[in-house]
Amino acid sequence: EILQMVLVGLAVIALLGVVLEDVIHVNKAKV
């Protein structure tokens, strides 16, 4: 379950990276 939670967390972080691209100034493709 720990691995599953970590992997889901990475997917959520990726989604936030796309939404907040203009805030964090990191290209969404790289994230």
Full PDB file with SEQRES, HELIX, SHEET, SSBOND, CRYST1, ORIGX, SCALE, CONECT and MASTER records, all heavy atoms in Angstrom:
SEQRES   1 A   31  GLU ILE LEU GLN MET VAL LEU VAL GLY LEU ALA VAL ILE          
SEQRES   2 A   31  ALA LEU LEU GLY VAL VAL LEU GLU ASP VAL ILE HIS VAL          
SEQRES   3 A   31  ASN LYS ALA LYS VAL                                          
HELIX    1 AA1 ILE A    2  VAL A   19  1                                  18    
HELIX    2 AA2 GLU A   21  ILE A   24  1                                   4    
CRYST1    1.000    1.000    1.000  90.00  90.00  90.00 P 1           1          
ORIGX1      1.000000  0.000000  0.000000        0.00000                         
ORIGX2      0.000000  1.000000  0.000000        0.00000                         
ORIGX3      0.000000  0.000000  1.000000        0.00000                         
SCALE1      1.000000  0.000000  0.000000        0.00000                         
SCALE2      0.000000  1.000000  0.000000        0.00000                         
SCALE3      0.000000  0.000000  1.000000        0.00000                         
ATOM      1  N   GLU A   1       0.824  -1.201   0.000  1.00  0.00           N  
ATOM      2  CA  GLU A   1       0.000   0.000   0.000  1.00  0.00           C  
ATOM      3  C   GLU A   1       0.865   1.261   0.000  1.00  0.00           C  
ATOM      4  O   GLU A   1       0.472   2.292  -0.554  1.00  0.00           O  
ATOM      5  CB  GLU A   1      -0.916  -0.005   1.219  1.00  0.00           C  
ATOM      6  CG  GLU A   1      -1.999  -1.075   1.173  1.00  0.00           C  
ATOM      7  CD  GLU A   1      -2.948  -0.973   2.347  1.00  0.00           C  
ATOM      8  OE1 GLU A   1      -2.783  -0.029   3.167  1.00  0.00           O  
ATOM      9  OE2 GLU A   1      -3.853  -1.817   2.452  1.00  0.00           O  
ATOM     10  N   ILE A   2       2.038   1.182   0.638  1.00  0.00           N  
ATOM     11  CA  ILE A   2       2.930   2.349   0.675  1.00  0.00           C  
ATOM     12  C   ILE A   2       3.381   2.724  -0.727  1.00  0.00           C  
ATOM     13  O   ILE A   2       3.367   3.900  -1.126  1.00  0.00           O  
ATOM     14  CB  ILE A   2       4.150   2.065   1.582  1.00  0.00           C  
ATOM     15  CG1 ILE A   2       3.701   1.865   3.036  1.00  0.00           C  
ATOM     16  CG2 ILE A   2       5.166   3.203   1.479  1.00  0.00           C  
ATOM     17  CD1 ILE A   2       4.833   1.531   3.982  1.00  0.00           C  
ATOM     18  N   LEU A   3       3.791   1.701  -1.528  1.00  0.00           N  
ATOM     19  CA  LEU A   3       4.223   1.961  -2.896  1.00  0.00           C  
ATOM     20  C   LEU A   3       3.070   2.550  -3.709  1.00  0.00           C  
ATOM     21  O   LEU A   3       3.267   3.500  -4.478  1.00  0.00           O  
ATOM     22  CB  LEU A   3       4.715   0.671  -3.550  1.00  0.00           C  
ATOM     23  CG  LEU A   3       5.103   0.768  -5.032  1.00  0.00           C  
ATOM     24  CD1 LEU A   3       6.213   1.791  -5.230  1.00  0.00           C  
ATOM     25  CD2 LEU A   3       5.516  -0.599  -5.576  1.00  0.00           C  
ATOM     26  N   GLN A   4       1.888   2.011  -3.522  1.00  0.00           N  
ATOM     27  CA  GLN A   4       0.725   2.515  -4.256  1.00  0.00           C  
ATOM     28  C   GLN A   4       0.446   3.973  -3.903  1.00  0.00           C  
ATOM     29  O   GLN A   4       0.169   4.792  -4.780  1.00  0.00           O  
ATOM     30  CB  GLN A   4      -0.492   1.653  -3.949  1.00  0.00           C  
ATOM     31  CG  GLN A   4      -1.664   1.879  -4.886  1.00  0.00           C  
ATOM     32  CD  GLN A   4      -2.776   0.896  -4.663  1.00  0.00           C  
ATOM     33  OE1 GLN A   4      -3.145   0.600  -3.533  1.00  0.00           O  
ATOM     34  NE2 GLN A   4      -3.344   0.372  -5.737  1.00  0.00           N  
ATOM     35  N   MET A   5       0.546   4.321  -2.619  1.00  0.00           N  
ATOM     36  CA  MET A   5       0.317   5.706  -2.188  1.00  0.00           C  
ATOM     37  C   MET A   5       1.373   6.640  -2.767  1.00  0.00           C  
ATOM     38  O   MET A   5       1.071   7.761  -3.171  1.00  0.00           O  
ATOM     39  CB  MET A   5       0.301   5.772  -0.663  1.00  0.00           C  
ATOM     40  CG  MET A   5      -0.910   5.103  -0.018  1.00  0.00           C  
ATOM     41  SD  MET A   5      -0.813   5.076   1.794  1.00  0.00           S  
ATOM     42  CE  MET A   5      -0.767   6.831   2.151  1.00  0.00           C  
ATOM     43  N   VAL A   6       2.626   6.180  -2.800  1.00  0.00           N  
ATOM     44  CA  VAL A   6       3.703   7.004  -3.356  1.00  0.00           C  
ATOM     45  C   VAL A   6       3.467   7.273  -4.839  1.00  0.00           C  
ATOM     46  O   VAL A   6       3.617   8.406  -5.317  1.00  0.00           O  
ATOM     47  CB  VAL A   6       5.061   6.318  -3.139  1.00  0.00           C  
ATOM     48  CG1 VAL A   6       6.157   7.034  -3.940  1.00  0.00           C  
ATOM     49  CG2 VAL A   6       5.432   6.303  -1.663  1.00  0.00           C  
ATOM     50  N   LEU A   7       3.073   6.238  -5.575  1.00  0.00           N  
ATOM     51  CA  LEU A   7       2.851   6.387  -7.010  1.00  0.00           C  
ATOM     52  C   LEU A   7       1.660   7.312  -7.304  1.00  0.00           C  
ATOM     53  O   LEU A   7       1.722   8.146  -8.211  1.00  0.00           O  
ATOM     54  CB  LEU A   7       2.620   5.021  -7.645  1.00  0.00           C  
ATOM     55  CG  LEU A   7       3.829   4.067  -7.625  1.00  0.00           C  
ATOM     56  CD1 LEU A   7       3.456   2.704  -8.170  1.00  0.00           C  
ATOM     57  CD2 LEU A   7       4.991   4.655  -8.419  1.00  0.00           C  
ATOM     58  N   VAL A   8       0.596   7.177  -6.525  1.00  0.00           N  
ATOM     59  CA  VAL A   8      -0.542   8.080  -6.685  1.00  0.00           C  
ATOM     60  C   VAL A   8      -0.126   9.505  -6.345  1.00  0.00           C  
ATOM     61  O   VAL A   8      -0.531  10.466  -7.016  1.00  0.00           O  
ATOM     62  CB  VAL A   8      -1.724   7.636  -5.799  1.00  0.00           C  
ATOM     63  CG1 VAL A   8      -2.836   8.682  -5.812  1.00  0.00           C  
ATOM     64  CG2 VAL A   8      -2.266   6.298  -6.278  1.00  0.00           C  
ATOM     65  N   GLY A   9       0.703   9.657  -5.312  1.00  0.00           N  
ATOM     66  CA  GLY A   9       1.208  10.978  -4.945  1.00  0.00           C  
ATOM     67  C   GLY A   9       2.007  11.623  -6.066  1.00  0.00           C  
ATOM     68  O   GLY A   9       1.881  12.832  -6.320  1.00  0.00           O  
ATOM     69  N   LEU A  10       2.816  10.818  -6.753  1.00  0.00           N  
ATOM     70  CA  LEU A  10       3.587  11.349  -7.887  1.00  0.00           C  
ATOM     71  C   LEU A  10       2.662  11.825  -9.004  1.00  0.00           C  
ATOM     72  O   LEU A  10       2.917  12.857  -9.640  1.00  0.00           O  
ATOM     73  CB  LEU A  10       4.533  10.275  -8.416  1.00  0.00           C  
ATOM     74  CG  LEU A  10       5.707   9.882  -7.512  1.00  0.00           C  
ATOM     75  CD1 LEU A  10       6.512   8.753  -8.152  1.00  0.00           C  
ATOM     76  CD2 LEU A  10       6.601  11.075  -7.240  1.00  0.00           C  
ATOM     77  N   ALA A  11       1.577  11.081  -9.250  1.00  0.00           N  
ATOM     78  CA  ALA A  11       0.622  11.487 -10.274  1.00  0.00           C  
ATOM     79  C   ALA A  11      -0.060  12.800  -9.894  1.00  0.00           C  
ATOM     80  O   ALA A  11      -0.284  13.671 -10.742  1.00  0.00           O  
ATOM     81  CB  ALA A  11      -0.419  10.386 -10.493  1.00  0.00           C  
ATOM     82  N   VAL A  12      -0.389  12.958  -8.616  1.00  0.00           N  
ATOM     83  CA  VAL A  12      -1.018  14.198  -8.148  1.00  0.00           C  
ATOM     84  C   VAL A  12      -0.047  15.372  -8.287  1.00  0.00           C  
ATOM     85  O   VAL A  12      -0.427  16.468  -8.714  1.00  0.00           O  
ATOM     86  CB  VAL A  12      -1.478  14.054  -6.683  1.00  0.00           C  
ATOM     87  CG1 VAL A  12      -1.951  15.391  -6.126  1.00  0.00           C  
ATOM     88  CG2 VAL A  12      -2.592  13.010  -6.580  1.00  0.00           C  
ATOM     89  N   ILE A  13       1.215  15.143  -7.927  1.00  0.00           N  
ATOM     90  CA  ILE A  13       2.229  16.195  -8.060  1.00  0.00           C  
ATOM     91  C   ILE A  13       2.386  16.604  -9.525  1.00  0.00           C  
ATOM     92  O   ILE A  13       2.517  17.794  -9.848  1.00  0.00           O  
ATOM     93  CB  ILE A  13       3.584  15.714  -7.486  1.00  0.00           C  
ATOM     94  CG1 ILE A  13       3.482  15.529  -5.972  1.00  0.00           C  
ATOM     95  CG2 ILE A  13       4.694  16.711  -7.821  1.00  0.00           C  
ATOM     96  CD1 ILE A  13       4.711  14.883  -5.356  1.00  0.00           C  
ATOM     97  N   ALA A  14       2.350  15.622 -10.427  1.00  0.00           N  
ATOM     98  CA  ALA A  14       2.449  15.923 -11.856  1.00  0.00           C  
ATOM     99  C   ALA A  14       1.274  16.778 -12.314  1.00  0.00           C  
ATOM    100  O   ALA A  14       1.448  17.739 -13.074  1.00  0.00           O  
ATOM    101  CB  ALA A  14       2.498  14.624 -12.656  1.00  0.00           C  
ATOM    102  N   LEU A  15       0.081  16.445 -11.832  1.00  0.00           N  
ATOM    103  CA  LEU A  15      -1.103  17.224 -12.196  1.00  0.00           C  
ATOM    104  C   LEU A  15      -0.999  18.655 -11.671  1.00  0.00           C  
ATOM    105  O   LEU A  15      -1.314  19.613 -12.377  1.00  0.00           O  
ATOM    106  CB  LEU A  15      -2.363  16.554 -11.645  1.00  0.00           C  
ATOM    107  CG  LEU A  15      -3.692  17.240 -11.937  1.00  0.00           C  
ATOM    108  CD1 LEU A  15      -3.925  17.349 -13.442  1.00  0.00           C  
ATOM    109  CD2 LEU A  15      -4.850  16.505 -11.276  1.00  0.00           C  
ATOM    110  N   LEU A  16      -0.520  18.800 -10.442  1.00  0.00           N  
ATOM    111  CA  LEU A  16      -0.327  20.134  -9.876  1.00  0.00           C  
ATOM    112  C   LEU A  16       0.738  20.905 -10.656  1.00  0.00           C  
ATOM    113  O   LEU A  16       0.633  22.117 -10.838  1.00  0.00           O  
ATOM    114  CB  LEU A  16       0.085  20.026  -8.402  1.00  0.00           C  
ATOM    115  CG  LEU A  16      -1.003  19.530  -7.440  1.00  0.00           C  
ATOM    116  CD1 LEU A  16      -0.415  19.348  -6.042  1.00  0.00           C  
ATOM    117  CD2 LEU A  16      -2.172  20.508  -7.399  1.00  0.00           C  
ATOM    118  N   GLY A  17       1.746  20.196 -11.126  1.00  0.00           N  
ATOM    119  CA  GLY A  17       2.780  20.837 -11.931  1.00  0.00           C  
ATOM    120  C   GLY A  17       2.242  21.405 -13.216  1.00  0.00           C  
ATOM    121  O   GLY A  17       2.682  22.459 -13.685  1.00  0.00           O  
ATOM    122  N   VAL A  18       1.238  20.715 -13.804  1.00  0.00           N  
ATOM    123  CA  VAL A  18       0.607  21.203 -15.027  1.00  0.00           C  
ATOM    124  C   VAL A  18      -0.240  22.437 -14.732  1.00  0.00           C  
ATOM    125  O   VAL A  18      -0.171  23.452 -15.435  1.00  0.00           O  
ATOM    126  CB  VAL A  18      -0.268  20.093 -15.657  1.00  0.00           C  
ATOM    127  CG1 VAL A  18      -1.050  20.649 -16.844  1.00  0.00           C  
ATOM    128  CG2 VAL A  18       0.591  18.919 -16.095  1.00  0.00           C  
ATOM    129  N   VAL A  19      -1.051  22.355 -13.670  1.00  0.00           N  
ATOM    130  CA  VAL A  19      -1.956  23.451 -13.326  1.00  0.00           C  
ATOM    131  C   VAL A  19      -1.200  24.696 -12.881  1.00  0.00           C  
ATOM    132  O   VAL A  19      -1.568  25.827 -13.213  1.00  0.00           O  
ATOM    133  CB  VAL A  19      -2.935  23.002 -12.219  1.00  0.00           C  
ATOM    134  CG1 VAL A  19      -3.810  24.169 -11.769  1.00  0.00           C  
ATOM    135  CG2 VAL A  19      -3.807  21.859 -12.710  1.00  0.00           C  
ATOM    136  N   LEU A  20      -0.109  24.492 -12.146  1.00  0.00           N  
ATOM    137  CA  LEU A  20       0.633  25.611 -11.550  1.00  0.00           C  
ATOM    138  C   LEU A  20       1.899  25.967 -12.337  1.00  0.00           C  
ATOM    139  O   LEU A  20       2.826  26.554 -11.784  1.00  0.00           O  
ATOM    140  CB  LEU A  20       1.014  25.271 -10.105  1.00  0.00           C  
ATOM    141  CG  LEU A  20      -0.151  24.952  -9.159  1.00  0.00           C  
ATOM    142  CD1 LEU A  20       0.368  24.529  -7.790  1.00  0.00           C  
ATOM    143  CD2 LEU A  20      -1.089  26.149  -9.022  1.00  0.00           C  
ATOM    144  N   GLU A  21       1.914  25.625 -13.610  1.00  0.00           N  
ATOM    145  CA  GLU A  21       3.114  25.871 -14.425  1.00  0.00           C  
ATOM    146  C   GLU A  21       3.544  27.334 -14.388  1.00  0.00           C  
ATOM    147  O   GLU A  21       4.735  27.641 -14.266  1.00  0.00           O  
ATOM    148  CB  GLU A  21       2.845  25.441 -15.861  1.00  0.00           C  
ATOM    149  CG  GLU A  21       4.034  25.651 -16.787  1.00  0.00           C  
ATOM    150  CD  GLU A  21       3.738  25.229 -18.219  1.00  0.00           C  
ATOM    151  OE1 GLU A  21       2.549  25.052 -18.539  1.00  0.00           O  
ATOM    152  OE2 GLU A  21       4.682  25.102 -19.003  1.00  0.00           O  
ATOM    153  N   ASP A  22       2.592  28.255 -14.477  1.00  0.00           N  
ATOM    154  CA  ASP A  22       2.923  29.685 -14.488  1.00  0.00           C  
ATOM    155  C   ASP A  22       3.386  30.185 -13.130  1.00  0.00           C  
ATOM    156  O   ASP A  22       4.026  31.238 -13.037  1.00  0.00           O  
ATOM    157  CB  ASP A  22       1.700  30.500 -14.930  1.00  0.00           C  
ATOM    158  CG  ASP A  22       1.344  30.248 -16.386  1.00  0.00           C  
ATOM    159  OD1 ASP A  22       2.257  29.877 -17.150  1.00  0.00           O  
ATOM    160  OD2 ASP A  22       0.159  30.410 -16.751  1.00  0.00           O  
ATOM    161  N   VAL A  23       3.074  29.434 -12.081  1.00  0.00           N  
ATOM    162  CA  VAL A  23       3.466  29.840 -10.721  1.00  0.00           C  
ATOM    163  C   VAL A  23       4.860  29.336 -10.377  1.00  0.00           C  
ATOM    164  O   VAL A  23       5.700  30.073  -9.863  1.00  0.00           O  
ATOM    165  CB  VAL A  23       2.443  29.324  -9.687  1.00  0.00           C  
ATOM    166  CG1 VAL A  23       2.890  29.683  -8.263  1.00  0.00           C  
ATOM    167  CG2 VAL A  23       1.055  29.893  -9.978  1.00  0.00           C  
ATOM    168  N   ILE A  24       5.122  28.053 -10.681  1.00  0.00           N  
ATOM    169  CA  ILE A  24       6.407  27.453 -10.315  1.00  0.00           C  
ATOM    170  C   ILE A  24       7.473  27.679 -11.389  1.00  0.00           C  
ATOM    171  O   ILE A  24       8.665  27.429 -11.144  1.00  0.00           O  
ATOM    172  CB  ILE A  24       6.251  25.950 -10.047  1.00  0.00           C  
ATOM    173  CG1 ILE A  24       5.770  25.214 -11.314  1.00  0.00           C  
ATOM    174  CG2 ILE A  24       5.264  25.714  -8.909  1.00  0.00           C  
ATOM    175  CD1 ILE A  24       5.644  23.707 -11.152  1.00  0.00           C  
ATOM    176  N   HIS A  25       7.042  28.125 -12.588  1.00  0.00           N  
ATOM    177  CA  HIS A  25       7.966  28.420 -13.694  1.00  0.00           C  
ATOM    178  C   HIS A  25       8.819  27.218 -14.077  1.00  0.00           C  
ATOM    179  O   HIS A  25      10.009  27.341 -14.379  1.00  0.00           O  
ATOM    180  CB  HIS A  25       8.870  29.601 -13.331  1.00  0.00           C  
ATOM    181  CG  HIS A  25       8.114  30.854 -13.008  1.00  0.00           C  
ATOM    182  ND1 HIS A  25       7.361  31.544 -13.939  1.00  0.00           N  
ATOM    183  CD2 HIS A  25       7.956  31.535 -11.820  1.00  0.00           C  
ATOM    184  CE1 HIS A  25       6.798  32.593 -13.365  1.00  0.00           C  
ATOM    185  NE2 HIS A  25       7.129  32.612 -12.092  1.00  0.00           N  
ATOM    186  N   VAL A  26       8.208  26.036 -14.039  1.00  0.00           N  
ATOM    187  CA  VAL A  26       8.854  24.813 -14.514  1.00  0.00           C  
ATOM    188  C   VAL A  26       7.972  24.242 -15.607  1.00  0.00           C  
ATOM    189  O   VAL A  26       6.774  24.014 -15.391  1.00  0.00           O  
ATOM    190  CB  VAL A  26       9.036  23.781 -13.382  1.00  0.00           C  
ATOM    191  CG1 VAL A  26       9.701  22.511 -13.937  1.00  0.00           C  
ATOM    192  CG2 VAL A  26       9.857  24.369 -12.249  1.00  0.00           C  
ATOM    193  N   ASN A  27       8.547  24.012 -16.765  1.00  0.00           N  
ATOM    194  CA  ASN A  27       7.782  23.532 -17.908  1.00  0.00           C  
ATOM    195  C   ASN A  27       7.058  22.230 -17.573  1.00  0.00           C  
ATOM    196  O   ASN A  27       7.633  21.296 -17.033  1.00  0.00           O  
ATOM    197  CB  ASN A  27       8.727  23.305 -19.088  1.00  0.00           C  
ATOM    198  CG  ASN A  27       7.995  22.956 -20.352  1.00  0.00           C  
ATOM    199  OD1 ASN A  27       7.576  21.821 -20.527  1.00  0.00           O  
ATOM    200  ND2 ASN A  27       7.840  23.923 -21.235  1.00  0.00           N  
ATOM    201  N   LYS A  28       5.753  22.168 -17.937  1.00  0.00           N  
ATOM    202  CA  LYS A  28       4.947  21.000 -17.591  1.00  0.00           C  
ATOM    203  C   LYS A  28       5.449  19.729 -18.275  1.00  0.00           C  
ATOM    204  O   LYS A  28       5.270  18.624 -17.742  1.00  0.00           O  
ATOM    205  CB  LYS A  28       3.483  21.246 -17.946  1.00  0.00           C  
ATOM    206  CG  LYS A  28       3.201  21.444 -19.421  1.00  0.00           C  
ATOM    207  CD  LYS A  28       1.726  21.724 -19.670  1.00  0.00           C  
ATOM    208  CE  LYS A  28       1.435  21.944 -21.154  1.00  0.00           C  
ATOM    209  NZ  LYS A  28       0.019  22.248 -21.400  1.00  0.00           N  
ATOM    210  N   ALA A  29       6.055  19.868 -19.450  1.00  0.00           N  
ATOM    211  CA  ALA A  29       6.588  18.696 -20.138  1.00  0.00           C  
ATOM    212  C   ALA A  29       7.719  18.059 -19.334  1.00  0.00           C  
ATOM    213  O   ALA A  29       7.819  16.826 -19.231  1.00  0.00           O  
ATOM    214  CB  ALA A  29       7.083  19.089 -21.530  1.00  0.00           C  
ATOM    215  N   LYS A  30       8.575  18.893 -18.730  1.00  0.00           N  
ATOM    216  CA  LYS A  30       9.683  18.378 -17.929  1.00  0.00           C  
ATOM    217  C   LYS A  30       9.179  17.684 -16.668  1.00  0.00           C  
ATOM    218  O   LYS A  30       9.683  16.629 -16.280  1.00  0.00           O  
ATOM    219  CB  LYS A  30      10.621  19.522 -17.556  1.00  0.00           C  
ATOM    220  CG  LYS A  30      11.279  20.201 -18.748  1.00  0.00           C  
ATOM    221  CD  LYS A  30      12.095  21.406 -18.333  1.00  0.00           C  
ATOM    222  CE  LYS A  30      12.693  22.111 -19.536  1.00  0.00           C  
ATOM    223  NZ  LYS A  30      13.444  23.337 -19.156  1.00  0.00           N  
ATOM    224  N   VAL A  31       8.164  18.283 -16.042  1.00  0.00           N  
ATOM    225  CA  VAL A  31       7.611  17.716 -14.813  1.00  0.00           C  
ATOM    226  C   VAL A  31       6.978  16.359 -15.082  1.00  0.00           C  
ATOM    227  O   VAL A  31       7.266  15.360 -14.397  1.00  0.00           O  
ATOM    228  CB  VAL A  31       6.581  18.673 -14.184  1.00  0.00           C  
ATOM    229  CG1 VAL A  31       5.882  18.013 -12.995  1.00  0.00           C  
ATOM    230  CG2 VAL A  31       7.252  19.967 -13.740  1.00  0.00           C  
TER     231      VAL A  31                                                      
MASTER        0    0    0    2    0    0    0    6  230    1    0    3          
END                                                                             
